[in-house]
C-alpha atoms as a PDB file:
ATOM      1  CA  MET A   1     -10.131  27.169 -17.197  1.00  0.00           C
ATOM      2  CA  ILE A   2      -6.537  28.546 -17.470  1.00  0.00           C
ATOM      3  CA  ALA A   3      -4.008  28.006 -15.160  1.00  0.00           C
ATOM      4  CA  HIS A   4      -2.232  31.018 -14.120  1.00  0.00           C
ATOM      5  CA  ARG A   5       1.789  30.318 -14.525  1.00  0.00           C
ATOM      6  CA  GLY A   6       0.716  26.592 -14.293  1.00  0.00           C
ATOM      7  CA  ALA A   7      -0.663  25.281 -11.152  1.00  0.00           C
ATOM      8  CA  SER A   8       1.292  28.099  -9.303  1.00  0.00           C
ATOM      9  CA  GLY A   9      -0.478  27.442  -6.126  1.00  0.00           C
ATOM     10  CA  HIS A  10       1.200  23.999  -5.729  1.00  0.00           C
ATOM     11  CA  ARG A  11       4.440  24.371  -7.744  1.00  0.00           C
ATOM     12  CA  PRO A  12       6.754  27.088  -8.346  1.00  0.00           C
ATOM     13  CA  GLU A  13       5.577  29.261 -11.076  1.00  0.00           C
ATOM     14  CA  HIS A  14       6.638  29.204 -14.662  1.00  0.00           C
ATOM     15  CA  THR A  15       7.990  25.700 -14.357  1.00  0.00           C
ATOM     16  CA  LEU A  16       7.394  22.471 -16.584  1.00  0.00           C
ATOM     17  CA  GLY A  17       6.318  20.818 -13.430  1.00  0.00           C
ATOM     18  CA  ALA A  18       3.841  23.490 -12.742  1.00  0.00           C
ATOM     19  CA  TYR A  19       2.588  23.580 -16.157  1.00  0.00           C
ATOM     20  CA  GLU A  20       2.110  19.450 -16.421  1.00  0.00           C
ATOM     21  CA  LEU A  21       0.337  19.491 -12.952  1.00  0.00           C
ATOM     22  CA  ALA A  22      -2.226  22.167 -14.379  1.00  0.00           C
ATOM     23  CA  TYR A  23      -3.052  20.034 -17.241  1.00  0.00           C
ATOM     24  CA  ARG A  24      -3.558  17.124 -14.965  1.00  0.00           C
ATOM     25  CA  LEU A  25      -5.689  18.872 -12.822  1.00  0.00           C
ATOM     26  CA  GLY A  26      -8.211  19.816 -15.412  1.00  0.00           C
ATOM     27  CA  ALA A  27      -6.969  22.911 -16.827  1.00  0.00           C
ATOM     28  CA  ASP A  28      -7.781  23.711 -20.618  1.00  0.00           C
ATOM     29  CA  SER A  29      -4.792  25.875 -20.966  1.00  0.00           C
ATOM     30  CA  VAL A  30      -1.968  27.417 -19.261  1.00  0.00           C
ATOM     31  CA  GLU A  31      -1.079  30.839 -19.071  1.00  0.00           C
ATOM     32  CA  LEU A  32       2.699  31.802 -19.584  1.00  0.00           C
ATOM     33  CA  ASP A  33       4.600  35.153 -19.225  1.00  0.00           C
ATOM     34  CA  VAL A  34       7.527  35.344 -21.751  1.00  0.00           C
ATOM     35  CA  VAL A  35      10.469  37.486 -21.777  1.00  0.00           C
ATOM     36  CA  ALA A  36      13.738  37.197 -23.589  1.00  0.00           C
ATOM     37  CA  THR A  37      17.474  36.227 -22.813  1.00  0.00           C
ATOM     38  CA  LYS A  38      20.308  38.245 -24.074  1.00  0.00           C
ATOM     39  CA  ASP A  39      20.610  36.027 -27.074  1.00  0.00           C
ATOM     40  CA  GLY A  40      16.986  36.448 -28.162  1.00  0.00           C
ATOM     41  CA  VAL A  41      15.317  33.182 -26.802  1.00  0.00           C
ATOM     42  CA  LEU A  42      11.689  33.188 -25.239  1.00  0.00           C
ATOM     43  CA  VAL A  43      11.675  32.129 -21.833  1.00  0.00           C
ATOM     44  CA  CYS A  44       8.965  31.633 -19.277  1.00  0.00           C
ATOM     45  CA  ARG A  45       9.151  34.196 -16.315  1.00  0.00           C
ATOM     46  CA  HIS A  46       6.853  36.791 -14.841  1.00  0.00           C
ATOM     47  CA  ASP A  47       9.601  39.365 -13.633  1.00  0.00           C
ATOM     48  CA  LEU A  48      12.644  40.503 -15.669  1.00  0.00           C
ATOM     49  CA  GLU A  49      14.414  40.467 -12.135  1.00  0.00           C
ATOM     50  CA  LEU A  50      15.322  37.098 -11.198  1.00  0.00           C
ATOM     51  CA  SER A  51      15.940  36.739  -7.385  1.00  0.00           C
ATOM     52  CA  ARG A  52      12.579  36.341  -6.110  1.00  0.00           C
ATOM     53  CA  THR A  53      12.013  33.226  -8.089  1.00  0.00           C
ATOM     54  CA  THR A  54      15.365  31.690  -8.812  1.00  0.00           C
ATOM     55  CA  ASP A  55      18.653  31.043  -6.899  1.00  0.00           C
ATOM     56  CA  VAL A  56      20.523  33.655  -8.667  1.00  0.00           C
ATOM     57  CA  ALA A  57      21.430  35.583  -5.582  1.00  0.00           C
ATOM     58  CA  SER A  58      23.532  32.471  -4.174  1.00  0.00           C
ATOM     59  CA  ARG A  59      25.357  32.194  -7.200  1.00  0.00           C
ATOM     60  CA  PRO A  60      28.484  33.707  -7.003  1.00  0.00           C
ATOM     61  CA  GLU A  61      29.543  33.040 -10.653  1.00  0.00           C
ATOM     62  CA  PHE A  62      26.572  35.329 -11.473  1.00  0.00           C
ATOM     63  CA  ALA A  63      27.330  38.295  -8.898  1.00  0.00           C
ATOM     64  CA  HIS A  64      28.866  40.555 -11.732  1.00  0.00           C
ATOM     65  CA  LEU A  65      25.597  40.707 -13.644  1.00  0.00           C
ATOM     66  CA  LYS A  66      23.724  42.297 -10.608  1.00  0.00           C
ATOM     67  CA  ARG A  67      23.000  45.863 -11.574  1.00  0.00           C
ATOM     68  CA  SER A  68      20.352  48.666 -11.471  1.00  0.00           C
ATOM     69  CA  ILE A  69      17.921  49.643 -14.012  1.00  0.00           C
ATOM     70  CA  GLU A  70      15.353  52.167 -14.566  1.00  0.00           C
ATOM     71  CA  VAL A  71      11.901  50.697 -14.186  1.00  0.00           C
ATOM     72  CA  GLY A  72       8.887  53.218 -14.576  1.00  0.00           C
ATOM     73  CA  ASP A  73       9.435  56.119 -12.313  1.00  0.00           C
ATOM     74  CA  GLY A  74      11.908  54.253 -10.361  1.00  0.00           C
ATOM     75  CA  VAL A  75      14.985  52.166  -9.855  1.00  0.00           C
ATOM     76  CA  GLU A  76      15.239  48.396  -9.631  1.00  0.00           C
ATOM     77  CA  THR A  77      18.315  46.497  -8.482  1.00  0.00           C
ATOM     78  CA  GLY A  78      19.073  42.593  -9.183  1.00  0.00           C
ATOM     79  CA  TRP A  79      19.716  40.388 -11.785  1.00  0.00           C
ATOM     80  CA  PHE A  80      17.718  40.507 -15.074  1.00  0.00           C
ATOM     81  CA  VAL A  81      16.790  37.979 -17.601  1.00  0.00           C
ATOM     82  CA  HIS A  82      17.909  39.741 -20.587  1.00  0.00           C
ATOM     83  CA  ASP A  83      21.630  40.188 -19.057  1.00  0.00           C
ATOM     84  CA  PHE A  84      21.706  36.315 -19.494  1.00  0.00           C
ATOM     85  CA  THR A  85      22.346  34.196 -22.419  1.00  0.00           C
ATOM     86  CA  LEU A  86      20.080  30.903 -22.449  1.00  0.00           C
ATOM     87  CA  ALA A  87      23.024  28.855 -21.340  1.00  0.00           C
ATOM     88  CA  GLU A  88      23.765  31.066 -18.335  1.00  0.00           C
ATOM     89  CA  LEU A  89      20.198  30.932 -17.374  1.00  0.00           C
ATOM     90  CA  ARG A  90      19.650  27.357 -17.509  1.00  0.00           C
ATOM     91  CA  GLU A  91      22.271  26.968 -14.687  1.00  0.00           C
ATOM     92  CA  LEU A  92      19.871  28.616 -12.305  1.00  0.00           C
ATOM     93  CA  THR A  93      16.997  26.668 -10.644  1.00  0.00           C
ATOM     94  CA  THR A  94      13.624  27.899  -9.869  1.00  0.00           C
ATOM     95  CA  ARG A  95      11.797  28.551  -6.369  1.00  0.00           C
ATOM     96  CA  GLU A  96       8.567  29.623  -4.895  1.00  0.00           C
ATOM     97  CA  ARG A  97       7.600  33.185  -5.024  1.00  0.00           C
ATOM     98  CA  TRP A  98       5.894  33.145  -1.563  1.00  0.00           C
ATOM     99  CA  PRO A  99       7.418  30.327   0.747  1.00  0.00           C
ATOM    100  CA  ARG A 100       5.300  31.240   3.763  1.00  0.00           C
ATOM    101  CA  LYS A 101       2.044  31.481   2.021  1.00  0.00           C
ATOM    102  CA  ARG A 102       2.651  28.285  -0.291  1.00  0.00           C
ATOM    103  CA  ALA A 103       5.174  26.191   1.960  1.00  0.00           C
ATOM    104  CA  GLY A 104       3.859  22.934  -0.006  1.00  0.00           C
ATOM    105  CA  SER A 105       5.019  24.748  -3.386  1.00  0.00           C
ATOM    106  CA  ALA A 106       8.238  25.993  -1.821  1.00  0.00           C
ATOM    107  CA  ALA A 107       8.950  22.297  -0.881  1.00  0.00           C
ATOM    108  CA  HIS A 108       9.874  21.760  -4.791  1.00  0.00           C
ATOM    109  CA  ASN A 109      12.493  24.615  -4.869  1.00  0.00           C
ATOM    110  CA  GLY A 110      15.270  23.702  -7.060  1.00  0.00           C
ATOM    111  CA  ARG A 111      13.651  20.948  -9.048  1.00  0.00           C
ATOM    112  CA  TRP A 112      13.356  22.677 -12.534  1.00  0.00           C
ATOM    113  CA  PRO A 113      15.252  25.119 -14.571  1.00  0.00           C
ATOM    114  CA  ILE A 114      13.658  28.245 -16.252  1.00  0.00           C
ATOM    115  CA  PRO A 115      11.853  26.660 -19.204  1.00  0.00           C
ATOM    116  CA  THR A 116      11.921  27.955 -22.966  1.00  0.00           C
ATOM    117  CA  LEU A 117       8.497  28.845 -24.612  1.00  0.00           C
ATOM    118  CA  ALA A 118       9.426  25.888 -27.207  1.00  0.00           C
ATOM    119  CA  GLU A 119       9.744  23.409 -24.159  1.00  0.00           C
ATOM    120  CA  VAL A 120       6.296  24.331 -22.991  1.00  0.00           C
ATOM    121  CA  ILE A 121       4.694  23.763 -26.599  1.00  0.00           C
ATOM    122  CA  ALA A 122       6.468  20.378 -26.462  1.00  0.00           C
ATOM    123  CA  LEU A 123       4.937  19.434 -23.058  1.00  0.00           C
ATOM    124  CA  ARG A 124       1.446  20.781 -24.192  1.00  0.00           C
ATOM    125  CA  ASN A 125       1.874  18.694 -27.389  1.00  0.00           C
ATOM    126  CA  ALA A 126       2.546  15.370 -25.102  1.00  0.00           C
ATOM    127  CA  GLU A 127      -0.305  16.252 -22.852  1.00  0.00           C
ATOM    128  CA  SER A 128      -2.800  16.760 -25.675  1.00  0.00           C
ATOM    129  CA  GLN A 129      -1.946  13.213 -27.026  1.00  0.00           C
ATOM    130  CA  ARG A 130      -2.139  11.800 -23.334  1.00  0.00           C
ATOM    131  CA  THR A 131      -5.820  13.123 -22.827  1.00  0.00           C
ATOM    132  CA  GLY A 132      -6.963  12.962 -26.644  1.00  0.00           C
ATOM    133  CA  THR A 133      -7.952  16.940 -26.440  1.00  0.00           C
ATOM    134  CA  ARG A 134      -6.084  19.710 -27.911  1.00  0.00           C
ATOM    135  CA  LEU A 135      -5.020  21.736 -25.061  1.00  0.00           C
ATOM    136  CA  GLY A 136      -4.089  25.425 -25.101  1.00  0.00           C
ATOM    137  CA  ILE A 137      -1.584  27.803 -24.133  1.00  0.00           C
ATOM    138  CA  HIS A 138      -2.007  31.505 -23.293  1.00  0.00           C
ATOM    139  CA  VAL A 139       0.976  33.530 -24.121  1.00  0.00           C
ATOM    140  CA  GLU A 140       1.471  36.811 -22.354  1.00  0.00           C
ATOM    141  CA  LEU A 141       4.173  39.075 -23.829  1.00  0.00           C
ATOM    142  CA  LYS A 142       5.680  40.831 -20.730  1.00  0.00           C
ATOM    143  CA  SER A 143       7.595  44.031 -20.506  1.00  0.00           C
ATOM    144  CA  PRO A 144       7.906  44.569 -24.148  1.00  0.00           C
ATOM    145  CA  GLY A 145       8.768  48.198 -23.953  1.00  0.00           C
ATOM    146  CA  ARG A 146      11.709  47.480 -21.558  1.00  0.00           C
ATOM    147  CA  LEU A 147      13.004  44.711 -23.601  1.00  0.00           C
ATOM    148  CA  ARG A 148      12.657  46.918 -26.780  1.00  0.00           C
ATOM    149  CA  LYS A 149      15.310  49.310 -24.964  1.00  0.00           C
ATOM    150  CA  GLU A 150      17.396  46.504 -24.785  1.00  0.00           C
ATOM    151  CA  GLY A 151      17.108  45.318 -28.406  1.00  0.00           C
ATOM    152  CA  LEU A 152      14.713  42.563 -27.829  1.00  0.00           C
ATOM    153  CA  TRP A 153      11.588  43.147 -29.427  1.00  0.00           C
ATOM    154  CA  LEU A 154       9.313  40.425 -28.304  1.00  0.00           C
ATOM    155  CA  PRO A 155       6.783  40.129 -31.472  1.00  0.00           C
ATOM    156  CA  GLU A 156       9.912  39.929 -33.715  1.00  0.00           C
ATOM    157  CA  LEU A 157      11.257  36.788 -31.582  1.00  0.00           C
ATOM    158  CA  VAL A 158       8.122  34.993 -32.221  1.00  0.00           C
ATOM    159  CA  GLU A 159       9.344  32.865 -35.113  1.00  0.00           C
ATOM    160  CA  ASN A 160       8.359  29.236 -34.080  1.00  0.00           C
ATOM    161  CA  PRO A 161       5.937  27.781 -36.452  1.00  0.00           C
ATOM    162  CA  GLU A 162       4.225  25.990 -33.507  1.00  0.00           C
ATOM    163  CA  THR A 163       3.129  28.905 -32.171  1.00  0.00           C
ATOM    164  CA  ASP A 164       0.423  29.431 -34.738  1.00  0.00           C
ATOM    165  CA  ASP A 165      -2.222  27.727 -32.464  1.00  0.00           C
ATOM    166  CA  LEU A 166      -1.314  29.787 -29.386  1.00  0.00           C
ATOM    167  CA  THR A 167      -3.401  32.564 -27.854  1.00  0.00           C
ATOM    168  CA  TRP A 168      -1.512  35.726 -27.227  1.00  0.00           C
ATOM    169  CA  MET A 169      -1.964  38.434 -24.502  1.00  0.00           C
ATOM    170  CA  SER A 170      -0.393  41.801 -23.663  1.00  0.00           C
ATOM    171  CA  PHE A 171      -1.100  45.242 -22.031  1.00  0.00           C
ATOM    172  CA  SER A 172       0.889  46.648 -24.874  1.00  0.00           C
ATOM    173  CA  THR A 173      -1.213  47.653 -27.983  1.00  0.00           C
ATOM    174  CA  ARG A 174       1.973  48.167 -30.017  1.00  0.00           C
ATOM    175  CA  ALA A 175       3.064  44.560 -29.218  1.00  0.00           C
ATOM    176  CA  LEU A 176      -0.219  43.081 -30.259  1.00  0.00           C
ATOM    177  CA  GLU A 177      -0.222  45.279 -33.558  1.00  0.00           C
ATOM    178  CA  ASP A 178       3.274  44.112 -34.559  1.00  0.00           C
ATOM    179  CA  LEU A 179       2.635  40.525 -33.522  1.00  0.00           C
ATOM    180  CA  ALA A 180      -0.621  40.252 -35.740  1.00  0.00           C
ATOM    181  CA  ALA A 181      -1.776  36.916 -34.330  1.00  0.00           C
ATOM    182  CA  SER A 182      -5.047  35.444 -35.277  1.00  0.00           C
ATOM    183  CA  ARG A 183      -6.007  35.172 -31.646  1.00  0.00           C
ATOM    184  CA  SER A 184      -4.735  37.773 -28.876  1.00  0.00           C
ATOM    185  CA  TYR A 185      -6.305  39.632 -25.969  1.00  0.00           C
ATOM    186  CA  LYS A 186      -5.738  43.037 -24.721  1.00  0.00           C
ATOM    187  CA  ILE A 187      -5.013  43.190 -21.148  1.00  0.00           C
ATOM    188  CA  PHE A 188      -6.390  45.968 -18.993  1.00  0.00           C
ATOM    189  CA  ASP A 189      -5.208  46.909 -15.548  1.00  0.00           C
ATOM    190  CA  GLU A 190      -8.550  48.871 -14.956  1.00  0.00           C
ATOM    191  CA  ALA A 191     -12.089  48.054 -16.102  1.00  0.00           C
ATOM    192  CA  PRO A 192     -12.248  49.073 -19.785  1.00  0.00           C
ATOM    193  CA  THR A 193     -14.904  51.649 -21.040  1.00  0.00           C
ATOM    194  CA  GLY A 194     -17.154  51.009 -23.810  1.00  0.00           C
ATOM    195  CA  LYS A 195     -14.887  53.227 -25.830  1.00  0.00           C
ATOM    196  CA  ASP A 196     -11.771  51.267 -24.863  1.00  0.00           C
ATOM    197  CA  LEU A 197     -13.596  48.101 -26.050  1.00  0.00           C
ATOM    198  CA  SER A 198     -14.509  49.616 -29.312  1.00  0.00           C
ATOM    199  CA  LYS A 199     -10.896  50.782 -30.008  1.00  0.00           C
ATOM    200  CA  ILE A 200      -9.907  46.923 -29.690  1.00  0.00           C
ATOM    201  CA  VAL A 201     -12.370  45.029 -31.923  1.00  0.00           C
ATOM    202  CA  ASP A 202     -10.205  44.958 -34.970  1.00  0.00           C
ATOM    203  CA  LEU A 203      -7.034  44.168 -32.863  1.00  0.00           C
ATOM    204  CA  ALA A 204      -8.003  41.415 -30.433  1.00  0.00           C
ATOM    205  CA  VAL A 205     -10.757  38.487 -29.883  1.00  0.00           C
ATOM    206  CA  GLY A 206     -11.139  39.575 -26.427  1.00  0.00           C
ATOM    207  CA  VAL A 207      -9.907  41.440 -22.956  1.00  0.00           C
ATOM    208  CA  ALA A 208      -8.519  40.137 -19.966  1.00  0.00           C
ATOM    209  CA  VAL A 209      -9.381  41.980 -16.690  1.00  0.00           C
ATOM    210  CA  ARG A 210      -9.151  41.808 -13.087  1.00  0.00           C
ATOM    211  CA  ARG A 211     -11.875  40.048 -11.087  1.00  0.00           C
ATOM    212  CA  ASN A 212     -13.212  43.146  -9.537  1.00  0.00           C
ATOM    213  CA  ALA A 213     -13.925  44.760 -13.100  1.00  0.00           C
ATOM    214  CA  VAL A 214     -16.522  41.794 -13.487  1.00  0.00           C
ATOM    215  CA  LEU A 215     -17.484  41.227  -9.749  1.00  0.00           C
ATOM    216  CA  PRO A 216     -17.101  44.629  -7.906  1.00  0.00           C
ATOM    217  CA  LEU A 217     -16.941  44.485  -4.275  1.00  0.00           C
ATOM    218  CA  ASP A 218     -18.721  46.897  -1.747  1.00  0.00           C
ATOM    219  CA  VAL A 219     -17.380  48.984   1.031  1.00  0.00           C
ATOM    220  CA  ALA A 220     -17.252  45.913   3.241  1.00  0.00           C
ATOM    221  CA  GLY A 221     -15.407  44.077   0.594  1.00  0.00           C
ATOM    222  CA  ARG A 222     -18.134  41.655  -0.067  1.00  0.00           C
ATOM    223  CA  VAL A 223     -18.721  40.363  -3.704  1.00  0.00           C
ATOM    224  CA  GLY A 224     -21.999  41.714  -5.155  1.00  0.00           C
ATOM    225  CA  GLU A 225     -23.770  41.961  -8.432  1.00  0.00           C
ATOM    226  CA  PRO A 226     -21.926  41.705 -11.539  1.00  0.00           C
ATOM    227  CA  SER A 227     -21.008  44.576 -13.544  1.00  0.00           C
ATOM    228  CA  LYS A 228     -22.157  45.328 -17.168  1.00  0.00           C
ATOM    229  CA  LEU A 229     -18.601  44.660 -18.580  1.00  0.00           C
ATOM    230  CA  VAL A 230     -19.245  41.394 -19.947  1.00  0.00           C
ATOM    231  CA  ALA A 231     -22.353  42.261 -21.710  1.00  0.00           C
ATOM    232  CA  LYS A 232     -20.803  45.346 -23.242  1.00  0.00           C
ATOM    233  CA  ALA A 233     -17.818  43.151 -24.305  1.00  0.00           C
ATOM    234  CA  HIS A 234     -19.830  40.586 -25.876  1.00  0.00           C
ATOM    235  CA  LYS A 235     -22.049  43.064 -27.708  1.00  0.00           C
ATOM    236  CA  ARG A 236     -19.070  44.148 -29.355  1.00  0.00           C
ATOM    237  CA  GLY A 237     -17.958  40.412 -30.166  1.00  0.00           C
ATOM    238  CA  LEU A 238     -15.316  40.372 -27.585  1.00  0.00           C
ATOM    239  CA  ASP A 239     -14.698  37.513 -25.196  1.00  0.00           C
ATOM    240  CA  VAL A 240     -13.743  38.370 -21.466  1.00  0.00           C
ATOM    241  CA  LEU A 241     -10.901  36.480 -19.605  1.00  0.00           C
ATOM    242  CA  VAL A 242     -10.684  37.172 -15.779  1.00  0.00           C
ATOM    243  CA  TRP A 243      -7.307  37.167 -13.630  1.00  0.00           C
ATOM    244  CA  THR A 244      -6.293  36.332 -11.225  1.00  0.00           C
ATOM    245  CA  HIS A 245      -8.174  33.791  -9.138  1.00  0.00           C
ATOM    246  CA  ARG A 246      -6.835  32.568  -5.881  1.00  0.00           C
ATOM    247  CA  ALA A 247      -7.749  30.184  -2.946  1.00  0.00           C
ATOM    248  CA  GLU A 248      -6.314  32.182  -0.184  1.00  0.00           C
ATOM    249  CA  ASN A 249      -8.506  34.445   1.995  1.00  0.00           C
ATOM    250  CA  GLN A 250      -6.544  37.341   1.529  1.00  0.00           C
ATOM    251  CA  TYR A 251      -7.658  37.459  -2.077  1.00  0.00           C
ATOM    252  CA  LEU A 252     -11.076  36.547  -1.534  1.00  0.00           C
ATOM    253  CA  PRO A 253     -14.305  38.662  -0.947  1.00  0.00           C
ATOM    254  CA  SER A 254     -14.922  38.930   2.516  1.00  0.00           C
ATOM    255  CA  ASN A 255     -18.213  37.231   2.391  1.00  0.00           C
ATOM    256  CA  LEU A 256     -16.235  34.177   0.807  1.00  0.00           C
ATOM    257  CA  ARG A 257     -13.462  33.587   3.458  1.00  0.00           C
ATOM    258  CA  ILE A 258     -13.276  30.631   6.007  1.00  0.00           C
ATOM    259  CA  GLY A 259     -11.655  31.516   9.092  1.00  0.00           C
ATOM    260  CA  ALA A 260      -9.568  34.436  10.067  1.00  0.00           C
ATOM    261  CA  ALA A 261      -5.998  33.126   8.722  1.00  0.00           C
ATOM    262  CA  PRO A 262      -4.768  35.161   5.730  1.00  0.00           C
ATOM    263  CA  HIS A 263      -3.054  32.336   4.004  1.00  0.00           C
ATOM    264  CA  GLY A 264      -5.930  29.949   4.878  1.00  0.00           C
ATOM    265  CA  HIS A 265      -8.265  28.627   2.048  1.00  0.00           C
ATOM    266  CA  GLY A 266     -11.693  30.206   1.619  1.00  0.00           C
ATOM    267  CA  ASP A 267     -14.685  29.274  -0.696  1.00  0.00           C
ATOM    268  CA  ALA A 268     -12.569  30.065  -4.042  1.00  0.00           C
ATOM    269  CA  ALA A 269     -14.656  27.377  -5.799  1.00  0.00           C
ATOM    270  CA  GLY A 270     -17.843  29.704  -4.823  1.00  0.00           C
ATOM    271  CA  GLU A 271     -15.894  32.757  -6.332  1.00  0.00           C
ATOM    272  CA  ALA A 272     -15.233  30.749  -9.615  1.00  0.00           C
ATOM    273  CA  ALA A 273     -18.918  29.894  -9.996  1.00  0.00           C
ATOM    274  CA  LEU A 274     -19.978  33.618  -9.341  1.00  0.00           C
ATOM    275  CA  LEU A 275     -17.361  34.565 -12.026  1.00  0.00           C
ATOM    276  CA  LEU A 276     -18.614  31.881 -14.365  1.00  0.00           C
ATOM    277  CA  ALA A 277     -22.145  32.464 -13.826  1.00  0.00           C
ATOM    278  CA  SER A 278     -21.611  36.491 -14.908  1.00  0.00           C
ATOM    279  CA  GLY A 279     -20.823  35.085 -18.560  1.00  0.00           C
ATOM    280  CA  ILE A 280     -17.094  35.428 -18.524  1.00  0.00           C
ATOM    281  CA  ASP A 281     -15.567  33.259 -21.092  1.00  0.00           C
ATOM    282  CA  GLY A 282     -12.267  32.241 -19.420  1.00  0.00           C
ATOM    283  CA  LEU A 283     -11.085  32.337 -15.707  1.00  0.00           C
ATOM    284  CA  ILE A 284      -7.152  32.313 -15.022  1.00  0.00           C
ATOM    285  CA  SER A 285      -6.534  30.640 -11.877  1.00  0.00           C
ATOM    286  CA  ASP A 286      -3.336  29.772  -9.344  1.00  0.00           C
ATOM    287  CA  PHE A 287      -5.736  26.624  -8.334  1.00  0.00           C
ATOM    288  CA  PRO A 288      -7.121  24.838 -11.608  1.00  0.00           C
ATOM    289  CA  GLU A 289      -8.625  22.001  -9.623  1.00  0.00           C
ATOM    290  CA  ILE A 290     -10.831  24.674  -7.512  1.00  0.00           C
ATOM    291  CA  ALA A 291     -11.743  26.747 -10.595  1.00  0.00           C
ATOM    292  CA  VAL A 292     -12.744  23.360 -12.160  1.00  0.00           C
ATOM    293  CA  LEU A 293     -15.020  22.764  -8.964  1.00  0.00           C
ATOM    294  CA  GLY A 294     -16.511  26.080  -9.911  1.00  0.00           C
ATOM    295  CA  ARG A 295     -17.417  25.146 -13.179  1.00  0.00           C
ATOM    296  CA  GLN A 296     -18.560  21.851 -12.001  1.00  0.00           C
ATOM    297  CA  ARG A 297     -21.596  23.741 -10.111  1.00  0.00           C
ATOM    298  CA  LEU A 298     -22.657  25.340 -13.470  1.00  0.00           C
ATOM    299  CA  PRO A 299     -23.462  22.051 -15.682  1.00  0.00           C
ATOM    300  CA  GLY A 300     -22.581  22.650 -19.298  1.00  0.00           C
ATOM    301  CA  MET A 301     -20.630  25.721 -18.955  1.00  0.00           C
ATOM    302  CA  ALA A 302     -17.234  25.623 -20.914  1.00  0.00           C
ATOM    303  CA  LEU A 303     -14.289  27.916 -20.627  1.00  0.00           C
ATOM    304  CA  ALA A 304     -12.486  29.456 -23.723  1.00  0.00           C
ATOM    305  CA  ARG A 305      -8.907  28.025 -24.529  1.00  0.00           C
END
């Protein structure tokens, strides 16, 4: 079981607090998104823009760094990781992305700075020693194309020898090719075809896909029979990771919701069990303890690290 951005259902995402709690709730691995600072240090953030998950907007000393950049077909305005040195970035504190939905997590706003990849590796090593089990880290190279335009090519910044046993992920084929890691996953936004899978056999050990690519929903939003994706991937020797498992009703199939409150929790353990029963090799979840409950419904099932 892989904790999405740490135990992000309980703590502000991509913080040492979220990662530590994830391991203690039973996660086999934690999933990180890494981007780069102005001085080329890999840090853990999902977004390049900082205002949704840090206190940067309330910090007048960084007002001069606010700017607009082109993102895809549009323009985004805010404060961006790659405009800060590590020292500057470490002056910010983190906060919950969805404070209304996850008020318990928001209660921990301001407790942690943005962590570096090296710090997460050190935490993992300490937790592995505590548990007597070699725990994992899944690292997604985030926004590599955008950062390359800033002179920061993520594969070139991966230099720590302790990264040898990490698992790497990216939407970018080019980034995975240049990284040339021994264990990597190609992420697909849409369900990959058999042809897509065949193309990456020599590049990656597996694919990471959305939940609906494995468990499609019917017109009423109910979960039905699994797709053939897992069988197609396994036939080519590829693992399948699934993202992102969440507990709130608004993210669950209609037949697994409990009550009408969109932020209320439904039968997320049931969805986890269904996904595992489809034969997937790893489940990426905001709520690692709930995913573990789903796994316990299938004795003997082990998730990839």
